[in-house]
C-alpha atoms as a PDB file:
ATOM      1  CA  MET A   1      -7.478   2.788  15.468  1.00  0.00           C
ATOM      2  CA  GLN A   2     -10.949   1.617  14.595  1.00  0.00           C
ATOM      3  CA  GLN A   3     -11.618  -1.947  15.723  1.00  0.00           C
ATOM      4  CA  LEU A   4     -13.931  -4.419  14.059  1.00  0.00           C
ATOM      5  CA  ASP A   5     -17.447  -4.643  15.410  1.00  0.00           C
ATOM      6  CA  PRO A   6     -17.544  -7.830  17.556  1.00  0.00           C
ATOM      7  CA  SER A   7     -20.915  -8.721  16.043  1.00  0.00           C
ATOM      8  CA  VAL A   8     -19.287  -9.029  12.614  1.00  0.00           C
ATOM      9  CA  ASN A   9     -17.255 -12.138  11.868  1.00  0.00           C
ATOM     10  CA  PRO A  10     -13.836 -10.764  10.762  1.00  0.00           C
ATOM     11  CA  VAL A  11     -12.969 -14.044   9.037  1.00  0.00           C
ATOM     12  CA  SER A  12     -15.856 -13.730   6.602  1.00  0.00           C
ATOM     13  CA  LEU A  13     -15.756  -9.933   6.196  1.00  0.00           C
ATOM     14  CA  ASN A  14     -14.139  -8.674   3.015  1.00  0.00           C
ATOM     15  CA  LEU A  15     -13.139  -5.082   3.636  1.00  0.00           C
ATOM     16  CA  LEU A  16     -12.648  -4.538  -0.099  1.00  0.00           C
ATOM     17  CA  GLU A  17     -14.036  -6.395  -3.103  1.00  0.00           C
ATOM     18  CA  ILE A  18     -12.576  -5.445  -6.465  1.00  0.00           C
ATOM     19  CA  ARG A  19     -14.471  -6.597  -9.560  1.00  0.00           C
ATOM     20  CA  ASN A  20     -13.267  -6.237 -13.175  1.00  0.00           C
ATOM     21  CA  LEU A  21     -11.266  -3.102 -12.402  1.00  0.00           C
ATOM     22  CA  SER A  22      -9.529  -1.563 -15.415  1.00  0.00           C
ATOM     23  CA  LYS A  23      -7.418   1.501 -16.089  1.00  0.00           C
ATOM     24  CA  PHE A  24      -6.313   2.545 -19.577  1.00  0.00           C
ATOM     25  CA  PHE A  25      -3.660   5.052 -20.658  1.00  0.00           C
ATOM     26  CA  PRO A  26      -2.865   6.435 -24.128  1.00  0.00           C
ATOM     27  CA  GLN A  27       0.042   4.736 -25.827  1.00  0.00           C
ATOM     28  CA  ALA A  28       3.215   6.784 -26.121  1.00  0.00           C
ATOM     29  CA  ASP A  29       2.935   7.076 -29.913  1.00  0.00           C
ATOM     30  CA  ALA A  30      -0.813   7.733 -30.010  1.00  0.00           C
ATOM     31  CA  TRP A  31      -0.435  11.533 -30.143  1.00  0.00           C
ATOM     32  CA  TRP A  32       1.933  11.285 -33.128  1.00  0.00           C
ATOM     33  CA  GLU A  33      -0.295   9.003 -35.137  1.00  0.00           C
ATOM     34  CA  GLY A  34      -3.398  10.963 -34.212  1.00  0.00           C
ATOM     35  CA  SER A  35      -5.033   7.722 -33.105  1.00  0.00           C
ATOM     36  CA  LYS A  36      -6.833   6.669 -29.950  1.00  0.00           C
ATOM     37  CA  LYS A  37      -4.627   3.729 -29.079  1.00  0.00           C
ATOM     38  CA  HIS A  38      -4.629   2.780 -25.401  1.00  0.00           C
ATOM     39  CA  PHE A  39      -3.003   0.114 -23.300  1.00  0.00           C
ATOM     40  CA  ALA A  40      -4.461  -1.492 -20.187  1.00  0.00           C
ATOM     41  CA  ALA A  41      -2.277  -0.749 -17.162  1.00  0.00           C
ATOM     42  CA  VAL A  42      -4.883  -2.666 -15.139  1.00  0.00           C
ATOM     43  CA  ASP A  43      -6.926  -5.152 -17.136  1.00  0.00           C
ATOM     44  CA  HIS A  44     -10.185  -6.483 -15.612  1.00  0.00           C
ATOM     45  CA  VAL A  45      -8.686  -7.314 -12.222  1.00  0.00           C
ATOM     46  CA  SER A  46     -10.809  -8.987  -9.533  1.00  0.00           C
ATOM     47  CA  PHE A  47      -9.931  -9.935  -5.951  1.00  0.00           C
ATOM     48  CA  SER A  48     -10.950  -9.309  -2.345  1.00  0.00           C
ATOM     49  CA  ILE A  49      -9.098  -8.383   0.843  1.00  0.00           C
ATOM     50  CA  GLN A  50     -10.284  -9.687   4.189  1.00  0.00           C
ATOM     51  CA  ALA A  51     -10.464  -7.233   7.074  1.00  0.00           C
ATOM     52  CA  GLY A  52      -7.402  -7.268   9.283  1.00  0.00           C
ATOM     53  CA  GLN A  53      -5.241  -9.149   6.795  1.00  0.00           C
ATOM     54  CA  THR A  54      -2.389  -8.239   4.456  1.00  0.00           C
ATOM     55  CA  LEU A  55      -2.676  -8.942   0.759  1.00  0.00           C
ATOM     56  CA  GLY A  56       0.630  -8.927  -1.083  1.00  0.00           C
ATOM     57  CA  LEU A  57       0.735  -7.643  -4.659  1.00  0.00           C
ATOM     58  CA  VAL A  58       3.883  -8.596  -6.535  1.00  0.00           C
ATOM     59  CA  GLY A  59       5.184  -8.165 -10.069  1.00  0.00           C
ATOM     60  CA  GLU A  60       8.001  -6.559 -12.029  1.00  0.00           C
ATOM     61  CA  SER A  61       8.143  -2.844 -12.817  1.00  0.00           C
ATOM     62  CA  GLY A  62       5.393  -1.898 -15.276  1.00  0.00           C
ATOM     63  CA  SER A  63       3.097  -4.747 -14.306  1.00  0.00           C
ATOM     64  CA  GLY A  64       0.392  -2.353 -13.080  1.00  0.00           C
ATOM     65  CA  LYS A  65       0.851  -2.797  -9.328  1.00  0.00           C
ATOM     66  CA  SER A  66       1.022   0.856  -8.310  1.00  0.00           C
ATOM     67  CA  THR A  67      -1.685   1.866 -10.775  1.00  0.00           C
ATOM     68  CA  LEU A  68      -3.990  -0.733  -9.234  1.00  0.00           C
ATOM     69  CA  GLY A  69      -3.246   0.435  -5.697  1.00  0.00           C
ATOM     70  CA  ARG A  70      -3.909   4.064  -6.562  1.00  0.00           C
ATOM     71  CA  ALA A  71      -7.065   3.231  -8.497  1.00  0.00           C
ATOM     72  CA  ILE A  72      -8.503   1.379  -5.491  1.00  0.00           C
ATOM     73  CA  ILE A  73      -8.303   4.523  -3.356  1.00  0.00           C
ATOM     74  CA  ARG A  74      -9.166   6.729  -6.348  1.00  0.00           C
ATOM     75  CA  LEU A  75      -5.968   8.728  -6.510  1.00  0.00           C
ATOM     76  CA  ILE A  76      -6.442   7.915 -10.175  1.00  0.00           C
ATOM     77  CA  GLU A  77      -9.883   7.177 -11.516  1.00  0.00           C
ATOM     78  CA  PRO A  78     -10.524   3.628 -12.819  1.00  0.00           C
ATOM     79  CA  ASP A  79     -12.155   3.411 -16.236  1.00  0.00           C
ATOM     80  CA  ASN A  80     -14.216   0.286 -15.547  1.00  0.00           C
ATOM     81  CA  GLY A  81     -15.107  -2.018 -12.697  1.00  0.00           C
ATOM     82  CA  ASN A  82     -16.392  -1.856  -9.159  1.00  0.00           C
ATOM     83  CA  ILE A  83     -14.835  -1.272  -5.737  1.00  0.00           C
ATOM     84  CA  ARG A  84     -16.998  -2.286  -2.794  1.00  0.00           C
ATOM     85  CA  PHE A  85     -15.916  -1.165   0.690  1.00  0.00           C
ATOM     86  CA  THR A  86     -17.431  -2.793   3.776  1.00  0.00           C
ATOM     87  CA  ASP A  87     -16.675  -1.067   7.068  1.00  0.00           C
ATOM     88  CA  ALA A  88     -16.295  -2.473  10.573  1.00  0.00           C
ATOM     89  CA  LYS A  89     -20.066  -2.294  11.105  1.00  0.00           C
ATOM     90  CA  GLY A  90     -20.768  -4.344   7.987  1.00  0.00           C
ATOM     91  CA  ILE A  91     -22.054  -1.368   5.993  1.00  0.00           C
ATOM     92  CA  SER A  92     -21.114  -1.672   2.307  1.00  0.00           C
ATOM     93  CA  THR A  93     -20.508   1.206  -0.103  1.00  0.00           C
ATOM     94  CA  GLU A  94     -19.851   1.046  -3.832  1.00  0.00           C
ATOM     95  CA  LEU A  95     -16.964   3.498  -4.045  1.00  0.00           C
ATOM     96  CA  THR A  96     -16.921   3.776  -7.838  1.00  0.00           C
ATOM     97  CA  GLU A  97     -20.472   5.105  -7.803  1.00  0.00           C
ATOM     98  CA  LEU A  98     -19.593   8.057  -5.566  1.00  0.00           C
ATOM     99  CA  SER A  99     -18.797  11.505  -6.895  1.00  0.00           C
ATOM    100  CA  LEU A 100     -15.474  12.952  -5.776  1.00  0.00           C
ATOM    101  CA  THR A 101     -17.346  15.117  -3.285  1.00  0.00           C
ATOM    102  CA  ASP A 102     -19.213  12.148  -1.813  1.00  0.00           C
ATOM    103  CA  PHE A 103     -15.994  10.121  -1.774  1.00  0.00           C
ATOM    104  CA  ARG A 104     -14.189  12.725   0.335  1.00  0.00           C
ATOM    105  CA  PRO A 105     -15.180  11.187   3.734  1.00  0.00           C
ATOM    106  CA  PHE A 106     -13.493   7.955   2.623  1.00  0.00           C
ATOM    107  CA  ARG A 107     -10.160   9.679   1.982  1.00  0.00           C
ATOM    108  CA  GLN A 108      -9.059   9.356   5.590  1.00  0.00           C
ATOM    109  CA  ARG A 109     -10.294   5.756   5.795  1.00  0.00           C
ATOM    110  CA  LEU A 110      -8.377   4.597   2.710  1.00  0.00           C
ATOM    111  CA  GLN A 111      -4.774   5.790   2.859  1.00  0.00           C
ATOM    112  CA  ILE A 112      -1.476   5.241   1.033  1.00  0.00           C
ATOM    113  CA  ILE A 113       2.204   5.209   1.986  1.00  0.00           C
ATOM    114  CA  PHE A 114       4.368   6.159  -0.985  1.00  0.00           C
ATOM    115  CA  GLN A 115       7.590   4.544  -2.112  1.00  0.00           C
ATOM    116  CA  ASP A 116      10.118   7.346  -1.728  1.00  0.00           C
ATOM    117  CA  PRO A 117      10.442   8.709   1.833  1.00  0.00           C
ATOM    118  CA  TYR A 118      12.719  11.471   0.536  1.00  0.00           C
ATOM    119  CA  HIS A 119      10.114  13.036  -1.761  1.00  0.00           C
ATOM    120  CA  SER A 120       6.833  12.192  -0.020  1.00  0.00           C
ATOM    121  CA  LEU A 121       7.493  14.581   2.900  1.00  0.00           C
ATOM    122  CA  ASN A 122       7.334  18.372   2.593  1.00  0.00           C
ATOM    123  CA  PRO A 123      10.954  19.557   3.112  1.00  0.00           C
ATOM    124  CA  TYR A 124       9.850  23.011   4.295  1.00  0.00           C
ATOM    125  CA  ARG A 125       7.673  21.981   7.227  1.00  0.00           C
ATOM    126  CA  PRO A 126       8.517  20.563  10.654  1.00  0.00           C
ATOM    127  CA  VAL A 127       7.490  17.034  11.559  1.00  0.00           C
ATOM    128  CA  TRP A 128       4.466  17.990  13.647  1.00  0.00           C
ATOM    129  CA  GLN A 129       2.927  19.904  10.722  1.00  0.00           C
ATOM    130  CA  ILE A 130       3.700  17.148   8.180  1.00  0.00           C
ATOM    131  CA  ILE A 131       2.157  14.381  10.262  1.00  0.00           C
ATOM    132  CA  GLY A 132      -0.651  16.524  11.625  1.00  0.00           C
ATOM    133  CA  GLU A 133      -1.626  18.053   8.287  1.00  0.00           C
ATOM    134  CA  GLY A 134      -4.845  16.047   8.068  1.00  0.00           C
ATOM    135  CA  LEU A 135      -5.877  17.311  11.499  1.00  0.00           C
ATOM    136  CA  ILE A 136      -4.838  20.872  10.685  1.00  0.00           C
ATOM    137  CA  LEU A 137      -7.083  20.864   7.603  1.00  0.00           C
ATOM    138  CA  ARG A 138     -10.080  19.853   9.694  1.00  0.00           C
ATOM    139  CA  LYS A 139      -9.751  23.098  11.676  1.00  0.00           C
ATOM    140  CA  THR A 140     -11.321  21.452  14.734  1.00  0.00           C
ATOM    141  CA  TYR A 141      -8.140  20.936  16.777  1.00  0.00           C
ATOM    142  CA  LYS A 142      -5.989  23.396  18.670  1.00  0.00           C
ATOM    143  CA  THR A 143      -2.287  23.443  17.879  1.00  0.00           C
ATOM    144  CA  SER A 144      -1.496  21.986  21.308  1.00  0.00           C
ATOM    145  CA  GLU A 145      -3.930  19.099  20.674  1.00  0.00           C
ATOM    146  CA  ILE A 146      -2.400  18.364  17.266  1.00  0.00           C
ATOM    147  CA  ARG A 147       1.112  18.349  18.694  1.00  0.00           C
ATOM    148  CA  GLU A 148       0.018  15.945  21.429  1.00  0.00           C
ATOM    149  CA  LYS A 149      -1.611  13.581  18.935  1.00  0.00           C
ATOM    150  CA  VAL A 150       1.463  13.699  16.692  1.00  0.00           C
ATOM    151  CA  SER A 151       3.656  12.983  19.692  1.00  0.00           C
ATOM    152  CA  GLN A 152       1.607   9.870  20.477  1.00  0.00           C
ATOM    153  CA  ILE A 153       1.801   8.644  16.890  1.00  0.00           C
ATOM    154  CA  LEU A 154       5.561   9.238  16.763  1.00  0.00           C
ATOM    155  CA  GLN A 155       6.017   6.983  19.763  1.00  0.00           C
ATOM    156  CA  LYS A 156       3.852   4.360  18.107  1.00  0.00           C
ATOM    157  CA  VAL A 157       6.206   4.234  15.098  1.00  0.00           C
ATOM    158  CA  GLY A 158       9.384   4.146  17.172  1.00  0.00           C
ATOM    159  CA  LEU A 159      10.274   7.843  17.244  1.00  0.00           C
ATOM    160  CA  SER A 160       9.827  10.379  20.045  1.00  0.00           C
ATOM    161  CA  LYS A 161       8.286  13.735  20.893  1.00  0.00           C
ATOM    162  CA  ASP A 162      11.779  15.237  20.606  1.00  0.00           C
ATOM    163  CA  HIS A 163      11.343  14.948  16.828  1.00  0.00           C
ATOM    164  CA  LEU A 164       8.273  17.200  16.673  1.00  0.00           C
ATOM    165  CA  ASP A 165      10.053  20.357  15.512  1.00  0.00           C
ATOM    166  CA  ARG A 166      12.742  18.777  13.354  1.00  0.00           C
ATOM    167  CA  MET A 167      12.821  19.031   9.570  1.00  0.00           C
ATOM    168  CA  PRO A 168      12.712  15.993   7.224  1.00  0.00           C
ATOM    169  CA  ASP A 169      16.341  16.401   6.116  1.00  0.00           C
ATOM    170  CA  GLU A 170      17.449  15.643   9.683  1.00  0.00           C
ATOM    171  CA  PHE A 171      16.246  12.033   9.402  1.00  0.00           C
ATOM    172  CA  SER A 172      17.587   8.869   7.791  1.00  0.00           C
ATOM    173  CA  GLY A 173      15.664   7.017   5.084  1.00  0.00           C
ATOM    174  CA  GLY A 174      14.227   4.528   7.567  1.00  0.00           C
ATOM    175  CA  GLN A 175      13.164   7.300   9.946  1.00  0.00           C
ATOM    176  CA  ARG A 176      11.511   9.200   7.092  1.00  0.00           C
ATOM    177  CA  GLN A 177       9.507   6.129   6.185  1.00  0.00           C
ATOM    178  CA  ARG A 178       8.396   5.912   9.821  1.00  0.00           C
ATOM    179  CA  LEU A 179       7.274   9.540   9.529  1.00  0.00           C
ATOM    180  CA  ALA A 180       5.313   8.656   6.384  1.00  0.00           C
ATOM    181  CA  ILE A 181       3.653   5.777   8.234  1.00  0.00           C
ATOM    182  CA  ALA A 182       2.844   8.077  11.157  1.00  0.00           C
ATOM    183  CA  ARG A 183       1.270  10.640   8.805  1.00  0.00           C
ATOM    184  CA  THR A 184      -1.038   7.913   7.530  1.00  0.00           C
ATOM    185  CA  LEU A 185      -1.906   6.453  10.939  1.00  0.00           C
ATOM    186  CA  ILE A 186      -2.920   9.754  12.498  1.00  0.00           C
ATOM    187  CA  LEU A 187      -6.068   9.766  10.344  1.00  0.00           C
ATOM    188  CA  ASP A 188      -7.145   6.428  11.853  1.00  0.00           C
ATOM    189  CA  PRO A 189      -7.539   4.595   8.511  1.00  0.00           C
ATOM    190  CA  GLU A 190      -9.088   1.170   8.006  1.00  0.00           C
ATOM    191  CA  PHE A 191      -7.081   0.342   4.890  1.00  0.00           C
ATOM    192  CA  ILE A 192      -3.574   1.318   3.747  1.00  0.00           C
ATOM    193  CA  VAL A 193      -1.873   0.805   0.397  1.00  0.00           C
ATOM    194  CA  CYS A 194       1.854   0.279   1.025  1.00  0.00           C
ATOM    195  CA  ASP A 195       3.396   1.110  -2.348  1.00  0.00           C
ATOM    196  CA  GLU A 196       6.963  -0.248  -2.540  1.00  0.00           C
ATOM    197  CA  ILE A 197       7.673   1.309   0.858  1.00  0.00           C
ATOM    198  CA  THR A 198      10.788  -0.786   1.554  1.00  0.00           C
ATOM    199  CA  SER A 199      12.410  -0.753  -1.885  1.00  0.00           C
ATOM    200  CA  ALA A 200      14.589   2.291  -1.138  1.00  0.00           C
ATOM    201  CA  LEU A 201      15.769   0.945   2.221  1.00  0.00           C
ATOM    202  CA  ASP A 202      18.641  -1.326   3.191  1.00  0.00           C
ATOM    203  CA  VAL A 203      17.891  -4.869   4.334  1.00  0.00           C
ATOM    204  CA  SER A 204      18.076  -4.224   8.088  1.00  0.00           C
ATOM    205  CA  THR A 205      15.854  -1.137   7.821  1.00  0.00           C
ATOM    206  CA  GLN A 206      13.413  -3.085   5.637  1.00  0.00           C
ATOM    207  CA  ALA A 207      13.061  -5.656   8.411  1.00  0.00           C
ATOM    208  CA  GLN A 208      12.384  -2.924  10.983  1.00  0.00           C
ATOM    209  CA  ILE A 209       9.651  -1.347   8.842  1.00  0.00           C
ATOM    210  CA  LEU A 210       8.008  -4.734   8.155  1.00  0.00           C
ATOM    211  CA  THR A 211       8.047  -5.559  11.873  1.00  0.00           C
ATOM    212  CA  LEU A 212       6.553  -2.143  12.643  1.00  0.00           C
ATOM    213  CA  LEU A 213       3.695  -2.717  10.190  1.00  0.00           C
ATOM    214  CA  GLN A 214       2.976  -6.140  11.670  1.00  0.00           C
ATOM    215  CA  GLU A 215       2.900  -4.711  15.190  1.00  0.00           C
ATOM    216  CA  ILE A 216       0.540  -1.921  14.136  1.00  0.00           C
ATOM    217  CA  GLN A 217      -1.724  -4.392  12.367  1.00  0.00           C
ATOM    218  CA  ALA A 218      -1.791  -6.726  15.370  1.00  0.00           C
ATOM    219  CA  SER A 219      -2.805  -3.906  17.707  1.00  0.00           C
ATOM    220  CA  SER A 220      -5.311  -2.150  15.434  1.00  0.00           C
ATOM    221  CA  GLY A 221      -6.741  -4.702  13.011  1.00  0.00           C
ATOM    222  CA  ILE A 222      -5.869  -2.493  10.057  1.00  0.00           C
ATOM    223  CA  THR A 223      -5.985  -3.990   6.540  1.00  0.00           C
ATOM    224  CA  LEU A 224      -2.999  -3.670   4.191  1.00  0.00           C
ATOM    225  CA  LEU A 225      -2.304  -3.987   0.485  1.00  0.00           C
ATOM    226  CA  PHE A 226       1.459  -4.472   0.348  1.00  0.00           C
ATOM    227  CA  ILE A 227       2.909  -3.775  -3.108  1.00  0.00           C
ATOM    228  CA  SER A 228       6.436  -4.818  -4.063  1.00  0.00           C
ATOM    229  CA  HIS A 229       8.527  -6.257  -6.884  1.00  0.00           C
ATOM    230  CA  ASP A 230      10.297  -8.431  -4.289  1.00  0.00           C
ATOM    231  CA  LEU A 231       8.434 -11.695  -3.730  1.00  0.00           C
ATOM    232  CA  HIS A 232      10.606 -12.529  -0.725  1.00  0.00           C
ATOM    233  CA  VAL A 233       9.647  -9.295   1.072  1.00  0.00           C
ATOM    234  CA  VAL A 234       5.970  -9.710   0.161  1.00  0.00           C
ATOM    235  CA  SER A 235       5.862 -13.296   1.436  1.00  0.00           C
ATOM    236  CA  SER A 236       7.281 -12.273   4.812  1.00  0.00           C
ATOM    237  CA  ILE A 237       4.338 -10.021   5.635  1.00  0.00           C
ATOM    238  CA  SER A 238       1.353 -11.243   3.582  1.00  0.00           C
ATOM    239  CA  ASP A 239      -1.483 -13.629   4.386  1.00  0.00           C
ATOM    240  CA  ASN A 240      -2.184 -14.062   0.670  1.00  0.00           C
ATOM    241  CA  ILE A 241      -0.399 -12.968  -2.494  1.00  0.00           C
ATOM    242  CA  ILE A 242      -1.522 -12.071  -5.994  1.00  0.00           C
ATOM    243  CA  VAL A 243       0.962 -11.953  -8.870  1.00  0.00           C
ATOM    244  CA  MET A 244       0.502  -9.405 -11.661  1.00  0.00           C
ATOM    245  CA  LYS A 245       1.932  -9.276 -15.166  1.00  0.00           C
ATOM    246  CA  LYS A 246       1.012  -6.746 -17.843  1.00  0.00           C
ATOM    247  CA  GLY A 247      -2.028  -5.538 -15.928  1.00  0.00           C
ATOM    248  CA  LYS A 248      -3.516  -8.970 -15.245  1.00  0.00           C
ATOM    249  CA  ILE A 249      -3.529 -11.267 -12.237  1.00  0.00           C
ATOM    250  CA  ILE A 250      -1.849 -14.469 -13.345  1.00  0.00           C
ATOM    251  CA  GLU A 251      -1.632 -16.334 -10.026  1.00  0.00           C
ATOM    252  CA  ARG A 252      -2.796 -16.091  -6.442  1.00  0.00           C
ATOM    253  CA  GLY A 253      -2.412 -18.055  -3.218  1.00  0.00           C
ATOM    254  CA  THR A 254      -0.751 -18.188   0.182  1.00  0.00           C
ATOM    255  CA  PRO A 255       3.006 -17.552   0.407  1.00  0.00           C
ATOM    256  CA  GLU A 256       3.527 -21.223   1.235  1.00  0.00           C
ATOM    257  CA  LYS A 257       1.600 -22.367  -1.843  1.00  0.00           C
ATOM    258  CA  LEU A 258       3.342 -19.994  -4.235  1.00  0.00           C
ATOM    259  CA  PHE A 259       6.804 -20.966  -3.076  1.00  0.00           C
ATOM    260  CA  LYS A 260       6.082 -24.681  -2.817  1.00  0.00           C
ATOM    261  CA  ASP A 261       4.035 -25.158  -5.959  1.00  0.00           C
ATOM    262  CA  PRO A 262       3.870 -22.122  -8.287  1.00  0.00           C
ATOM    263  CA  SER A 263       1.679 -22.871 -11.283  1.00  0.00           C
ATOM    264  CA  ASN A 264       2.799 -20.025 -13.560  1.00  0.00           C
ATOM    265  CA  LYS A 265       6.166 -19.752 -15.275  1.00  0.00           C
ATOM    266  CA  TYR A 266       6.348 -16.053 -14.459  1.00  0.00           C
ATOM    267  CA  THR A 267       5.917 -16.744 -10.730  1.00  0.00           C
ATOM    268  CA  LYS A 268       8.681 -19.330 -10.920  1.00  0.00           C
ATOM    269  CA  LYS A 269      10.988 -16.739 -12.450  1.00  0.00           C
ATOM    270  CA  LEU A 270      10.143 -14.264  -9.675  1.00  0.00           C
ATOM    271  CA  ILE A 271      11.144 -16.920  -7.152  1.00  0.00           C
ATOM    272  CA  GLN A 272      14.350 -17.639  -9.073  1.00  0.00           C
ATOM    273  CA  SER A 273      15.223 -13.939  -9.040  1.00  0.00           C
ATOM    274  CA  ILE A 274      15.402 -13.870  -5.210  1.00  0.00           C
ATOM    275  CA  PRO A 275      19.114 -13.653  -4.385  1.00  0.00           C
ATOM    276  CA  ASN A 276      20.652 -16.397  -2.266  1.00  0.00           C
ATOM    277  CA  PRO A 277      21.914 -14.962   1.062  1.00  0.00           C
ATOM    278  CA  ASP A 278      24.918 -17.300   0.875  1.00  0.00           C
ATOM    279  CA  PRO A 279      27.610 -15.490  -1.192  1.00  0.00           C
ATOM    280  CA  ALA A 280      29.166 -18.805  -2.177  1.00  0.00           C
ATOM    281  CA  LYS A 281      25.904 -19.905  -3.769  1.00  0.00           C
ATOM    282  CA  ARG A 282      24.807 -16.541  -5.103  1.00  0.00           C
ATOM    283  CA  SER A 283      24.331 -16.222  -8.834  1.00  0.00           C
ATOM    284  CA  PHE A 284      23.464 -13.363 -11.121  1.00  0.00           C
ATOM    285  CA  ARG A 285      19.785 -12.502 -11.319  1.00  0.00           C
ATOM    286  CA  LYS A 286      18.063 -14.024 -14.288  1.00  0.00           C
ATOM    287  CA  SER A 287      16.077 -11.618 -16.388  1.00  0.00           C
ATOM    288  CA  ILE A 288      12.338 -12.099 -16.343  1.00  0.00           C
ATOM    289  CA  SER A 289      10.929 -12.824 -19.750  1.00  0.00           C
ATOM    290  CA  ARG A 290       8.050 -10.589 -20.697  1.00  0.00           C
END
C-alpha cells in the first residue's frame, strides 16, 4: 500500500475535495411526454475527505448515495462540479477536467467495492484470476508472479493460498466479500468507495468485515468512503459522517455529534430506525418520512 509522504501533514491533507457535484437523470415519464424533465440524483454536493480517514455516507434508498460514490470515481460521469484529488506527494489533479483516456491511470488509485458479493465476482473464473485481473491486464507479470501476489493479498484479508484455484460458488457471502476486498487491494489504491458492502451480510459477518477494513486502513493509511443506509454501521467505522436526502447533504459531523445532538429531523428518524438489540425493548421500525 502507498504510504503518505512524511513531508506532507496528513491531518491537513484532503485526499479528495468535492465541489458542487451534480448528476441528473431523465424522469421515468419524460420519454412518454416527449419532454426533457430531469431529476437530480446528486444535487450540488460539496465535501472533503482527509487522507487516511473514513467518511461515512448515510441515507435511505434513493437518496443518491451510490450515485455520488460512483460519480466521484467516474464510473458514471457527473454533469456539473469539480473533483480534486491530492496524492500522497501533495500533487493535486482536477479529475473532472481529464478525458477518459487521461483518467485511466487513476482507475487503479480510486477503487470501489460493490454491494452484492454474489454478483460482483465472475462465476466462471478461479479466485486467482478474479483477484489478479488488474495485474493480468497489465501484461507485465508472469502467471507465477500474479499467483504469488494474489496469495499474499488473500492472507491479508483472512483467507489462504489454498483458495487460489477455487470458484466463487464455493465461498460463503462473507468470504466472497473478502475476495471483493482483495481484488480491490491488489491494485494498491489510495481511495476506496465501499458501497453498501455489509448490507447483504449477517450481523457477525458484518462485524468481521468492518474489523478487516479498519485493520487494513491502520496498516496502509488508505482512505475510505463508506456508504450505507444503516447509521449504526456507519458510525462504528467512520471518523465523520454526512447524511444525504434526495440528492442533497442535509447534515454532517462526527458520529458522537450526530447521535448526541442531531440538528435535522431526518437524521433523528435515521437514529430512531436503529433496532434495539434488547428484544424486550425492540419496537417496529418507524417509516422515514420523505
